[in-house]
N, C-alpha and C. Protein backbone atom coordinates (compact mmCIF):
# COMPACT_ATOMS: atom_id res chain seq x y z
N MET A 1 55.53 -78.59 -48.59
CA MET A 1 56.09 -79.45 -47.52
C MET A 1 54.94 -80.07 -46.74
N SER A 2 54.96 -81.35 -46.49
CA SER A 2 53.89 -82.01 -45.75
C SER A 2 54.19 -81.96 -44.26
N GLU A 3 53.12 -81.76 -43.44
CA GLU A 3 53.27 -81.72 -41.99
C GLU A 3 53.36 -83.13 -41.44
N SER A 4 54.24 -83.33 -40.47
CA SER A 4 54.37 -84.66 -39.86
C SER A 4 53.25 -84.87 -38.86
N LYS A 5 52.70 -86.05 -38.86
CA LYS A 5 51.62 -86.38 -37.94
C LYS A 5 52.19 -86.99 -36.67
N PRO A 6 51.54 -86.69 -35.51
CA PRO A 6 52.01 -87.29 -34.26
C PRO A 6 51.97 -88.81 -34.35
N GLN A 7 53.01 -89.42 -33.84
CA GLN A 7 53.06 -90.87 -33.83
C GLN A 7 52.16 -91.41 -32.71
N PRO A 8 51.65 -92.63 -32.88
CA PRO A 8 50.78 -93.22 -31.85
C PRO A 8 51.44 -93.27 -30.48
N SER A 9 52.77 -93.50 -30.46
CA SER A 9 53.45 -93.55 -29.16
C SER A 9 53.43 -92.19 -28.47
N SER A 10 53.57 -91.11 -29.26
CA SER A 10 53.51 -89.76 -28.70
C SER A 10 52.13 -89.46 -28.17
N LEU A 11 51.11 -89.87 -28.90
CA LEU A 11 49.73 -89.65 -28.45
C LEU A 11 49.47 -90.39 -27.14
N ARG A 12 50.04 -91.60 -27.03
CA ARG A 12 49.84 -92.36 -25.80
C ARG A 12 50.50 -91.66 -24.61
N ARG A 13 51.73 -91.12 -24.85
CA ARG A 13 52.42 -90.43 -23.76
C ARG A 13 51.66 -89.18 -23.33
N ILE A 14 51.10 -88.45 -24.32
CA ILE A 14 50.32 -87.26 -23.98
C ILE A 14 49.08 -87.65 -23.18
N ALA A 15 48.42 -88.71 -23.62
CA ALA A 15 47.21 -89.16 -22.92
C ALA A 15 47.55 -89.62 -21.52
N GLN A 16 48.65 -90.38 -21.39
CA GLN A 16 49.04 -90.87 -20.07
C GLN A 16 49.41 -89.71 -19.14
N GLY A 17 50.12 -88.68 -19.73
CA GLY A 17 50.47 -87.52 -18.91
C GLY A 17 49.24 -86.75 -18.45
N THR A 18 48.27 -86.63 -19.37
CA THR A 18 47.03 -85.91 -19.02
C THR A 18 46.27 -86.66 -17.94
N LEU A 19 46.17 -87.98 -18.10
CA LEU A 19 45.46 -88.79 -17.10
C LEU A 19 46.19 -88.75 -15.76
N GLY A 20 47.53 -88.76 -15.81
CA GLY A 20 48.29 -88.70 -14.56
C GLY A 20 48.07 -87.39 -13.83
N ALA A 21 48.10 -86.29 -14.58
CA ALA A 21 47.87 -84.98 -13.96
C ALA A 21 46.47 -84.88 -13.39
N ALA A 22 45.50 -85.44 -14.13
CA ALA A 22 44.13 -85.43 -13.62
C ALA A 22 44.00 -86.26 -12.36
N GLY A 23 44.73 -87.38 -12.35
CA GLY A 23 44.69 -88.23 -11.15
C GLY A 23 45.27 -87.54 -9.94
N VAL A 24 46.39 -86.83 -10.14
CA VAL A 24 47.01 -86.09 -9.03
C VAL A 24 46.07 -84.99 -8.54
N ALA A 25 45.40 -84.32 -9.50
CA ALA A 25 44.48 -83.25 -9.12
C ALA A 25 43.33 -83.79 -8.29
N VAL A 26 42.80 -84.97 -8.71
CA VAL A 26 41.70 -85.59 -7.96
C VAL A 26 42.19 -86.00 -6.57
N LEU A 27 43.41 -86.55 -6.50
CA LEU A 27 43.96 -86.96 -5.21
C LEU A 27 44.11 -85.77 -4.27
N VAL A 28 44.64 -84.65 -4.78
CA VAL A 28 44.79 -83.43 -3.96
C VAL A 28 43.42 -82.92 -3.53
N LEU A 29 42.45 -82.99 -4.44
CA LEU A 29 41.10 -82.53 -4.12
C LEU A 29 40.52 -83.33 -2.96
N ILE A 30 40.67 -84.67 -3.03
CA ILE A 30 40.06 -85.55 -2.02
C ILE A 30 40.78 -85.46 -0.69
N THR A 31 42.11 -85.43 -0.72
CA THR A 31 42.88 -85.52 0.52
C THR A 31 43.19 -84.17 1.16
N THR A 32 43.10 -83.08 0.40
CA THR A 32 43.51 -81.77 0.93
C THR A 32 42.41 -80.72 0.84
N VAL A 33 41.91 -80.47 -0.36
CA VAL A 33 40.96 -79.37 -0.56
C VAL A 33 39.64 -79.64 0.15
N LEU A 34 39.07 -80.82 -0.07
CA LEU A 34 37.76 -81.10 0.56
C LEU A 34 37.82 -81.07 2.08
N PRO A 35 38.83 -81.70 2.74
CA PRO A 35 38.89 -81.60 4.21
C PRO A 35 39.10 -80.19 4.72
N ALA A 36 40.00 -79.43 4.06
CA ALA A 36 40.34 -78.09 4.55
C ALA A 36 39.25 -77.08 4.28
N GLU A 37 38.63 -77.14 3.10
CA GLU A 37 37.67 -76.12 2.70
C GLU A 37 36.24 -76.46 3.08
N TYR A 38 35.88 -77.74 3.05
CA TYR A 38 34.47 -78.12 3.23
C TYR A 38 34.24 -79.11 4.37
N GLY A 39 35.32 -79.54 5.03
CA GLY A 39 35.17 -80.48 6.13
C GLY A 39 34.79 -81.88 5.68
N ILE A 40 34.95 -82.19 4.40
CA ILE A 40 34.63 -83.51 3.85
C ILE A 40 35.93 -84.31 3.79
N ASP A 41 35.97 -85.46 4.46
CA ASP A 41 37.22 -86.21 4.58
C ASP A 41 36.96 -87.70 4.37
N PRO A 42 36.72 -88.13 3.12
CA PRO A 42 36.38 -89.54 2.88
C PRO A 42 37.53 -90.49 3.18
N THR A 43 38.77 -90.05 3.08
CA THR A 43 39.92 -90.94 3.28
C THR A 43 40.44 -90.94 4.72
N GLY A 44 40.11 -89.91 5.50
CA GLY A 44 40.65 -89.78 6.85
C GLY A 44 42.01 -89.12 6.91
N ILE A 45 42.61 -88.86 5.74
CA ILE A 45 43.93 -88.23 5.70
C ILE A 45 43.87 -86.78 6.21
N GLY A 46 42.79 -86.09 5.85
CA GLY A 46 42.65 -84.70 6.29
C GLY A 46 42.62 -84.58 7.79
N ASP A 47 41.93 -85.50 8.47
CA ASP A 47 41.86 -85.47 9.93
C ASP A 47 43.23 -85.80 10.52
N ALA A 48 43.92 -86.77 9.90
CA ALA A 48 45.23 -87.18 10.41
C ALA A 48 46.23 -86.03 10.36
N PHE A 49 46.12 -85.18 9.34
CA PHE A 49 47.05 -84.05 9.20
C PHE A 49 46.48 -82.73 9.74
N GLY A 50 45.32 -82.80 10.41
CA GLY A 50 44.75 -81.61 11.03
C GLY A 50 44.11 -80.64 10.06
N LEU A 51 43.80 -81.10 8.84
CA LEU A 51 43.22 -80.18 7.86
C LEU A 51 41.76 -79.89 8.12
N THR A 52 41.03 -80.85 8.72
CA THR A 52 39.61 -80.63 8.96
C THR A 52 39.38 -79.54 10.00
N VAL A 53 40.39 -79.29 10.86
CA VAL A 53 40.26 -78.24 11.88
C VAL A 53 40.11 -76.88 11.21
N LEU A 54 40.72 -76.72 10.03
CA LEU A 54 40.67 -75.42 9.35
C LEU A 54 39.25 -75.04 8.95
N ASN A 55 38.37 -76.05 8.80
CA ASN A 55 37.01 -75.78 8.36
C ASN A 55 36.05 -75.60 9.53
N GLN A 56 36.52 -75.89 10.76
CA GLN A 56 35.64 -75.77 11.91
C GLN A 56 35.40 -74.30 12.25
N PRO A 57 34.16 -73.96 12.65
CA PRO A 57 33.88 -72.56 13.01
C PRO A 57 34.66 -72.15 14.24
N LEU A 58 35.07 -70.90 14.28
CA LEU A 58 35.79 -70.39 15.43
C LEU A 58 34.90 -70.36 16.65
N ARG A 59 35.44 -70.85 17.76
CA ARG A 59 34.69 -70.82 19.01
C ARG A 59 35.04 -69.55 19.77
N THR A 60 34.05 -68.77 20.06
CA THR A 60 34.28 -67.51 20.75
C THR A 60 33.61 -67.53 22.11
N LEU A 61 34.07 -66.70 22.99
CA LEU A 61 33.53 -66.60 24.34
C LEU A 61 33.10 -65.17 24.58
N GLU A 62 31.85 -65.00 24.93
CA GLU A 62 31.35 -63.65 25.18
C GLU A 62 31.90 -63.14 26.51
N ILE A 63 32.49 -61.97 26.50
CA ILE A 63 32.97 -61.32 27.71
C ILE A 63 31.92 -60.29 28.13
N VAL A 64 31.28 -60.57 29.24
CA VAL A 64 30.18 -59.73 29.69
C VAL A 64 30.73 -58.44 30.29
N ASP A 65 30.18 -57.33 29.88
CA ASP A 65 30.60 -56.03 30.39
C ASP A 65 29.79 -55.72 31.65
N VAL A 66 30.46 -55.79 32.81
CA VAL A 66 29.76 -55.55 34.07
C VAL A 66 30.03 -54.16 34.62
N LEU A 67 30.77 -53.35 33.87
CA LEU A 67 31.09 -52.00 34.34
C LEU A 67 30.73 -50.92 33.33
N GLY A 68 30.96 -51.20 32.05
CA GLY A 68 30.82 -50.18 31.03
C GLY A 68 29.42 -49.60 30.93
N GLY A 69 29.35 -48.34 30.56
CA GLY A 69 28.07 -47.66 30.39
C GLY A 69 27.75 -46.69 31.49
N ASN A 70 28.22 -46.97 32.70
CA ASN A 70 27.87 -46.10 33.83
C ASN A 70 28.61 -44.77 33.80
N GLU A 71 29.61 -44.63 32.94
CA GLU A 71 30.28 -43.34 32.83
C GLU A 71 29.35 -42.28 32.24
N SER A 72 28.23 -42.73 31.63
CA SER A 72 27.27 -41.79 31.04
C SER A 72 26.05 -41.58 31.94
N VAL A 73 26.16 -41.92 33.23
CA VAL A 73 25.01 -41.83 34.13
C VAL A 73 24.49 -40.40 34.24
N ARG A 74 25.38 -39.40 34.12
CA ARG A 74 24.93 -38.01 34.23
C ARG A 74 24.15 -37.56 33.00
N GLU A 75 24.17 -38.37 31.95
CA GLU A 75 23.43 -38.05 30.75
C GLU A 75 22.04 -38.68 30.73
N VAL A 76 21.75 -39.50 31.74
CA VAL A 76 20.46 -40.18 31.81
C VAL A 76 19.39 -39.17 32.19
N GLU A 77 18.22 -39.33 31.62
CA GLU A 77 17.12 -38.41 31.92
C GLU A 77 16.77 -38.48 33.41
N ILE A 78 16.67 -37.31 34.04
CA ILE A 78 16.39 -37.26 35.47
C ILE A 78 14.93 -37.66 35.71
N PRO A 79 14.70 -38.61 36.60
CA PRO A 79 13.32 -39.06 36.87
C PRO A 79 12.59 -38.04 37.76
N ASP A 80 11.52 -38.49 38.36
CA ASP A 80 10.75 -37.62 39.25
C ASP A 80 11.62 -37.13 40.39
N PHE A 81 11.27 -35.95 40.91
CA PHE A 81 12.04 -35.34 41.98
C PHE A 81 12.14 -36.30 43.17
N GLY A 82 13.36 -36.44 43.67
CA GLY A 82 13.60 -37.29 44.83
C GLY A 82 13.87 -38.74 44.48
N GLU A 83 13.70 -39.13 43.21
CA GLU A 83 13.95 -40.52 42.79
C GLU A 83 15.39 -40.65 42.29
N PRO A 84 16.01 -41.81 42.49
CA PRO A 84 17.39 -41.98 42.01
C PRO A 84 17.45 -42.08 40.49
N VAL A 85 18.56 -41.63 39.95
CA VAL A 85 18.79 -41.77 38.51
C VAL A 85 19.14 -43.23 38.22
N PRO A 86 18.46 -43.90 37.30
CA PRO A 86 18.76 -45.32 37.02
C PRO A 86 20.14 -45.48 36.36
N LEU A 87 20.88 -46.45 36.84
CA LEU A 87 22.18 -46.73 36.25
C LEU A 87 22.01 -47.38 34.88
N PRO A 88 22.74 -46.93 33.87
CA PRO A 88 22.69 -47.60 32.57
C PRO A 88 23.09 -49.08 32.66
N ASN A 89 24.04 -49.38 33.52
CA ASN A 89 24.48 -50.76 33.70
C ASN A 89 24.37 -51.12 35.18
N PRO A 90 23.27 -51.73 35.59
CA PRO A 90 23.06 -52.01 37.01
C PRO A 90 23.84 -53.22 37.52
N GLU A 91 24.60 -53.91 36.65
CA GLU A 91 25.27 -55.14 37.04
C GLU A 91 26.43 -54.91 38.00
N ILE A 92 26.77 -53.65 38.29
CA ILE A 92 27.86 -53.42 39.23
C ILE A 92 27.48 -53.85 40.64
N HIS A 93 26.19 -54.05 40.89
CA HIS A 93 25.76 -54.55 42.19
C HIS A 93 25.06 -55.88 42.01
N GLN A 94 25.42 -56.84 42.85
CA GLN A 94 24.75 -58.15 42.85
C GLN A 94 24.49 -58.58 44.28
N ASP A 95 23.30 -59.11 44.50
CA ASP A 95 22.96 -59.65 45.82
C ASP A 95 23.68 -60.98 46.02
N GLU A 96 24.09 -61.23 47.25
CA GLU A 96 24.75 -62.48 47.59
C GLU A 96 24.06 -63.10 48.80
N GLU A 97 23.85 -64.42 48.71
CA GLU A 97 23.21 -65.12 49.82
C GLU A 97 24.20 -65.42 50.95
N GLN A 98 25.48 -65.55 50.61
CA GLN A 98 26.50 -65.89 51.59
C GLN A 98 27.52 -64.77 51.69
N PRO A 99 28.17 -64.61 52.84
CA PRO A 99 29.21 -63.58 52.96
C PRO A 99 30.41 -63.95 52.09
N ALA A 100 31.26 -62.99 51.86
CA ALA A 100 32.45 -63.21 51.04
C ALA A 100 33.39 -64.21 51.69
N HIS A 101 34.07 -65.00 50.85
CA HIS A 101 35.09 -65.92 51.33
C HIS A 101 36.39 -65.17 51.59
N THR A 102 37.18 -65.72 52.48
CA THR A 102 38.54 -65.23 52.70
C THR A 102 39.46 -66.42 52.87
N ASP A 103 40.53 -66.46 52.09
CA ASP A 103 41.52 -67.53 52.18
C ASP A 103 42.91 -66.94 52.14
N THR A 104 43.80 -67.51 52.96
CA THR A 104 45.22 -67.18 52.91
C THR A 104 45.99 -68.46 52.72
N LEU A 105 46.83 -68.51 51.69
CA LEU A 105 47.60 -69.70 51.37
C LEU A 105 49.09 -69.36 51.38
N ASP A 106 49.89 -70.25 51.93
CA ASP A 106 51.34 -70.17 51.84
C ASP A 106 51.80 -71.23 50.85
N ILE A 107 52.34 -70.78 49.72
CA ILE A 107 52.73 -71.69 48.64
C ILE A 107 54.24 -71.73 48.55
N ILE A 108 54.83 -72.88 48.84
CA ILE A 108 56.28 -73.04 48.76
C ILE A 108 56.64 -73.50 47.36
N ILE A 109 57.49 -72.71 46.67
CA ILE A 109 57.88 -73.02 45.30
C ILE A 109 59.38 -73.34 45.29
N PRO A 110 59.76 -74.54 44.88
CA PRO A 110 61.19 -74.88 44.87
C PRO A 110 61.94 -74.12 43.79
N VAL A 111 63.26 -74.30 43.76
CA VAL A 111 64.09 -73.64 42.76
C VAL A 111 63.63 -74.07 41.36
N GLU A 112 63.39 -73.09 40.50
CA GLU A 112 62.90 -73.28 39.13
C GLU A 112 61.51 -73.93 39.09
N GLY A 113 60.85 -74.00 40.23
CA GLY A 113 59.51 -74.58 40.27
C GLY A 113 58.46 -73.59 39.81
N GLU A 114 57.30 -74.11 39.46
CA GLU A 114 56.18 -73.28 39.03
C GLU A 114 54.89 -73.84 39.60
N THR A 115 53.90 -72.99 39.77
CA THR A 115 52.64 -73.41 40.35
C THR A 115 51.52 -72.50 39.88
N GLU A 116 50.30 -72.92 40.17
CA GLU A 116 49.13 -72.15 39.73
C GLU A 116 48.03 -72.28 40.78
N ILE A 117 47.44 -71.14 41.11
CA ILE A 117 46.30 -71.08 42.03
C ILE A 117 45.16 -70.37 41.30
N LYS A 118 43.97 -70.94 41.33
CA LYS A 118 42.84 -70.35 40.61
C LYS A 118 41.63 -70.21 41.55
N THR A 119 40.93 -69.08 41.42
CA THR A 119 39.62 -68.93 42.04
C THR A 119 38.56 -69.23 40.98
N VAL A 120 37.50 -69.88 41.39
CA VAL A 120 36.39 -70.19 40.49
C VAL A 120 35.33 -69.10 40.68
N LEU A 121 35.11 -68.32 39.63
CA LEU A 121 34.23 -67.16 39.70
C LEU A 121 33.15 -67.24 38.63
N ARG A 122 31.96 -66.80 38.99
CA ARG A 122 30.91 -66.59 37.99
C ARG A 122 31.03 -65.17 37.45
N ALA A 123 30.51 -64.98 36.25
CA ALA A 123 30.61 -63.67 35.59
C ALA A 123 30.05 -62.58 36.49
N GLY A 124 30.82 -61.50 36.65
CA GLY A 124 30.37 -60.36 37.43
C GLY A 124 30.74 -60.42 38.89
N LYS A 125 31.25 -61.57 39.37
CA LYS A 125 31.63 -61.68 40.77
C LYS A 125 33.03 -61.13 40.98
N MET A 126 33.28 -60.61 42.19
CA MET A 126 34.49 -59.84 42.44
C MET A 126 35.38 -60.49 43.49
N ILE A 127 36.69 -60.31 43.30
CA ILE A 127 37.65 -60.66 44.33
C ILE A 127 38.63 -59.51 44.51
N THR A 128 39.18 -59.41 45.71
CA THR A 128 40.36 -58.59 45.96
C THR A 128 41.46 -59.54 46.42
N TYR A 129 42.70 -59.17 46.16
CA TYR A 129 43.79 -60.11 46.47
C TYR A 129 45.07 -59.35 46.75
N SER A 130 46.00 -60.06 47.40
CA SER A 130 47.37 -59.58 47.54
C SER A 130 48.26 -60.81 47.71
N TRP A 131 49.45 -60.74 47.15
CA TRP A 131 50.42 -61.80 47.35
C TRP A 131 51.80 -61.20 47.57
N GLN A 132 52.62 -61.93 48.31
CA GLN A 132 53.94 -61.43 48.67
C GLN A 132 54.91 -62.60 48.74
N VAL A 133 56.14 -62.39 48.25
CA VAL A 133 57.20 -63.39 48.33
C VAL A 133 58.02 -63.12 49.58
N ASP A 134 58.35 -64.17 50.33
CA ASP A 134 59.07 -63.97 51.58
C ASP A 134 60.49 -63.44 51.35
N GLU A 135 61.20 -64.03 50.37
CA GLU A 135 62.58 -63.61 50.11
C GLU A 135 62.94 -64.03 48.70
N GLY A 136 63.03 -63.08 47.79
CA GLY A 136 63.35 -63.40 46.41
C GLY A 136 62.33 -62.79 45.46
N SER A 137 62.29 -63.32 44.25
CA SER A 137 61.37 -62.79 43.25
C SER A 137 60.83 -63.93 42.40
N VAL A 138 59.68 -63.66 41.76
CA VAL A 138 59.01 -64.66 40.93
C VAL A 138 58.49 -63.99 39.66
N TYR A 139 58.30 -64.80 38.64
CA TYR A 139 57.50 -64.37 37.49
C TYR A 139 56.05 -64.66 37.85
N SER A 140 55.14 -63.74 37.48
CA SER A 140 53.73 -63.95 37.79
C SER A 140 52.86 -63.57 36.60
N ASP A 141 51.78 -64.31 36.44
CA ASP A 141 50.81 -64.05 35.36
C ASP A 141 49.42 -64.24 35.96
N PHE A 142 48.68 -63.14 36.06
CA PHE A 142 47.31 -63.16 36.58
C PHE A 142 46.39 -63.23 35.36
N HIS A 143 45.62 -64.31 35.26
CA HIS A 143 44.86 -64.55 34.03
C HIS A 143 43.59 -65.34 34.33
N GLY A 144 42.79 -65.54 33.31
CA GLY A 144 41.55 -66.30 33.47
C GLY A 144 41.22 -67.08 32.23
N HIS A 145 40.49 -68.19 32.41
CA HIS A 145 40.02 -68.97 31.28
C HIS A 145 38.77 -69.74 31.69
N ASP A 146 38.03 -70.20 30.69
CA ASP A 146 36.83 -70.99 30.91
C ASP A 146 37.10 -72.40 30.42
N PRO A 147 37.32 -73.38 31.31
CA PRO A 147 37.63 -74.74 30.87
C PRO A 147 36.53 -75.36 30.01
N ALA A 148 35.30 -74.86 30.12
CA ALA A 148 34.20 -75.43 29.34
C ALA A 148 34.26 -75.02 27.87
N VAL A 149 35.07 -74.02 27.54
CA VAL A 149 35.11 -73.53 26.16
C VAL A 149 36.26 -74.17 25.40
N ASP A 150 37.48 -73.89 25.80
CA ASP A 150 38.65 -74.38 25.08
C ASP A 150 39.88 -74.07 25.91
N ASN A 151 40.74 -75.06 26.07
CA ASN A 151 41.95 -74.83 26.86
C ASN A 151 42.88 -73.81 26.22
N GLN A 152 42.70 -73.55 24.92
CA GLN A 152 43.54 -72.58 24.24
C GLN A 152 43.05 -71.14 24.46
N PHE A 153 41.84 -70.99 25.01
CA PHE A 153 41.30 -69.64 25.25
C PHE A 153 41.68 -69.18 26.64
N TRP A 154 42.31 -68.02 26.74
CA TRP A 154 42.57 -67.42 28.05
C TRP A 154 42.83 -65.94 27.85
N VAL A 155 42.63 -65.18 28.92
CA VAL A 155 42.86 -63.74 28.89
C VAL A 155 43.83 -63.39 30.01
N ARG A 156 44.65 -62.38 29.78
CA ARG A 156 45.63 -61.95 30.78
C ARG A 156 45.17 -60.64 31.40
N TYR A 157 45.20 -60.58 32.74
CA TYR A 157 44.87 -59.36 33.45
C TYR A 157 46.13 -58.57 33.83
N LYS A 158 47.17 -59.29 34.27
CA LYS A 158 48.40 -58.59 34.69
C LYS A 158 49.57 -59.57 34.63
N GLU A 159 50.70 -59.08 34.13
CA GLU A 159 51.91 -59.91 34.06
C GLU A 159 53.07 -59.15 34.68
N HIS A 160 53.88 -59.86 35.47
CA HIS A 160 55.12 -59.31 36.02
C HIS A 160 56.26 -60.24 35.62
N GLN A 161 57.21 -59.73 34.84
CA GLN A 161 58.36 -60.54 34.48
C GLN A 161 59.21 -60.90 35.70
N GLU A 162 59.20 -59.99 36.68
CA GLU A 162 59.93 -60.25 37.92
C GLU A 162 59.34 -59.37 39.01
N GLY A 163 59.01 -59.95 40.14
CA GLY A 163 58.41 -59.17 41.22
C GLY A 163 58.38 -59.94 42.51
N SER A 164 58.08 -59.21 43.58
CA SER A 164 58.03 -59.83 44.91
C SER A 164 56.67 -59.67 45.56
N GLY A 165 55.70 -59.09 44.84
CA GLY A 165 54.37 -58.96 45.41
C GLY A 165 53.47 -58.08 44.56
N HIS A 166 52.18 -58.21 44.80
CA HIS A 166 51.23 -57.39 44.05
C HIS A 166 49.87 -57.48 44.73
N SER A 167 49.06 -56.43 44.56
CA SER A 167 47.70 -56.39 45.09
C SER A 167 46.76 -55.87 44.01
N GLY A 168 45.50 -56.26 44.08
CA GLY A 168 44.55 -55.78 43.09
C GLY A 168 43.17 -56.34 43.31
N SER A 169 42.33 -56.18 42.29
CA SER A 169 40.96 -56.68 42.34
C SER A 169 40.55 -57.13 40.96
N LEU A 170 39.48 -57.90 40.89
CA LEU A 170 38.99 -58.38 39.60
C LEU A 170 37.48 -58.56 39.68
N VAL A 171 36.79 -58.08 38.64
CA VAL A 171 35.40 -58.45 38.40
C VAL A 171 35.42 -59.41 37.21
N ALA A 172 35.02 -60.64 37.44
CA ALA A 172 35.17 -61.68 36.42
C ALA A 172 34.36 -61.34 35.17
N PRO A 173 35.00 -61.32 33.99
CA PRO A 173 34.27 -61.00 32.77
C PRO A 173 33.48 -62.19 32.22
N PHE A 174 33.72 -63.41 32.75
CA PHE A 174 32.99 -64.59 32.30
C PHE A 174 33.14 -65.67 33.37
N ASP A 175 32.25 -66.67 33.32
CA ASP A 175 32.35 -67.81 34.22
C ASP A 175 33.66 -68.54 33.94
N GLY A 176 34.36 -68.95 35.00
CA GLY A 176 35.57 -69.72 34.76
C GLY A 176 36.53 -69.65 35.92
N GLU A 177 37.79 -69.98 35.63
CA GLU A 177 38.86 -69.97 36.62
C GLU A 177 39.74 -68.75 36.40
N HIS A 178 39.99 -68.04 37.48
CA HIS A 178 40.75 -66.78 37.39
C HIS A 178 41.79 -66.80 38.51
N GLY A 179 43.06 -66.67 38.14
CA GLY A 179 44.06 -66.74 39.20
C GLY A 179 45.47 -66.51 38.71
N TRP A 180 46.43 -67.13 39.38
CA TRP A 180 47.85 -66.76 39.27
C TRP A 180 48.71 -67.95 38.88
N TYR A 181 49.69 -67.64 38.07
CA TYR A 181 50.74 -68.59 37.71
C TYR A 181 52.06 -67.96 38.13
N TRP A 182 52.85 -68.71 38.91
CA TRP A 182 54.14 -68.20 39.40
C TRP A 182 55.27 -69.14 39.02
N VAL A 183 56.44 -68.56 38.73
CA VAL A 183 57.67 -69.31 38.51
C VAL A 183 58.74 -68.73 39.42
N ASN A 184 59.42 -69.59 40.18
CA ASN A 184 60.48 -69.14 41.08
C ASN A 184 61.71 -68.74 40.28
N LEU A 185 62.14 -67.48 40.42
CA LEU A 185 63.31 -66.97 39.72
C LEU A 185 64.53 -66.88 40.63
N THR A 186 64.41 -67.36 41.86
CA THR A 186 65.47 -67.22 42.86
C THR A 186 66.21 -68.54 43.03
N ALA A 187 67.45 -68.47 43.46
CA ALA A 187 68.30 -69.66 43.59
C ALA A 187 68.04 -70.44 44.87
N HIS A 188 66.89 -70.23 45.47
CA HIS A 188 66.49 -70.99 46.66
C HIS A 188 64.96 -71.05 46.69
N PRO A 189 64.39 -71.97 47.44
CA PRO A 189 62.93 -72.04 47.53
C PRO A 189 62.35 -70.74 48.09
N VAL A 190 61.17 -70.39 47.59
CA VAL A 190 60.49 -69.19 48.09
C VAL A 190 59.09 -69.57 48.54
N THR A 191 58.53 -68.73 49.39
CA THR A 191 57.15 -68.91 49.85
C THR A 191 56.33 -67.71 49.40
N VAL A 192 55.30 -67.98 48.64
CA VAL A 192 54.36 -66.94 48.22
C VAL A 192 53.15 -67.01 49.15
N THR A 193 52.87 -65.91 49.83
CA THR A 193 51.68 -65.83 50.68
C THR A 193 50.60 -65.08 49.92
N LEU A 194 49.50 -65.78 49.64
CA LEU A 194 48.39 -65.22 48.87
C LEU A 194 47.17 -65.09 49.76
N THR A 195 46.56 -63.90 49.75
CA THR A 195 45.30 -63.67 50.46
C THR A 195 44.25 -63.24 49.45
N VAL A 196 43.13 -63.95 49.44
CA VAL A 196 42.04 -63.66 48.51
C VAL A 196 40.76 -63.47 49.31
N GLU A 197 39.99 -62.46 48.94
CA GLU A 197 38.68 -62.23 49.55
C GLU A 197 37.68 -61.90 48.45
N GLY A 198 36.49 -62.47 48.55
CA GLY A 198 35.49 -62.16 47.55
C GLY A 198 34.44 -63.23 47.42
N PHE A 199 33.67 -63.14 46.34
CA PHE A 199 32.53 -64.02 46.13
C PHE A 199 32.86 -65.12 45.11
N TYR A 200 33.94 -65.84 45.39
CA TYR A 200 34.31 -66.96 44.54
C TYR A 200 33.67 -68.24 45.07
N ASP A 201 33.46 -69.19 44.18
CA ASP A 201 32.83 -70.46 44.55
C ASP A 201 33.82 -71.46 45.11
N ASP A 202 35.07 -71.36 44.68
CA ASP A 202 36.08 -72.32 45.11
C ASP A 202 37.45 -71.73 44.83
N ILE A 203 38.46 -72.31 45.44
CA ILE A 203 39.85 -71.95 45.14
C ILE A 203 40.61 -73.24 44.89
N ILE A 204 41.35 -73.29 43.77
CA ILE A 204 42.01 -74.52 43.34
C ILE A 204 43.52 -74.34 43.39
N ASP A 205 44.18 -75.28 44.08
CA ASP A 205 45.64 -75.30 44.12
C ASP A 205 46.10 -76.41 43.18
N TYR A 206 46.72 -76.04 42.05
CA TYR A 206 47.17 -77.02 41.08
C TYR A 206 48.50 -77.65 41.43
N GLY A 207 49.09 -77.23 42.56
CA GLY A 207 50.33 -77.85 43.03
C GLY A 207 51.55 -77.39 42.25
N ILE A 208 52.67 -78.02 42.55
CA ILE A 208 53.94 -77.69 41.91
C ILE A 208 54.11 -78.55 40.66
N PHE A 209 54.58 -77.91 39.60
CA PHE A 209 54.84 -78.69 38.37
C PHE A 209 56.02 -78.09 37.62
């Protein structure tokens, strides 16, 4: 029995299919793989679809430890008689040229309104604070971020799903804005009275939004 040979039309279809598949592969390589994996975007399609972001290095923010280490102070070698034992982490004390600031703000938040107050702190600087709602309750989020790094980067210190007041302190782990976000959960306007004391450079009222 003789074997049938492929017809020229069949060979053309196979060739066309192979070339088509290769073309699609090249197109995917140029528009998807290169932008996402290597940051190469000759067509601009990768940037339009956000693929080039996948190849960008992660931006990280160093959180300076201004407290850790001193729990081992009793393990430090004792110096000469009468001399103080050196602290493993001396950053718990910082000299200041100016006295601490003190501010008290009354923030009126309408029904379903929200607002944000931030202190501007350098790494290692401290604040103490207290806030109280006159009548009602609010959602609160005490957090910090560094606007110079990325608006998507932030850390949370304390969250209250519902509350009428809170007090505390903070040693800033990095340069940036550190403060409070409140949402009125009550069916009438409320007034939040905030008192802050410490070595902050500024206090920012972002208003009602």
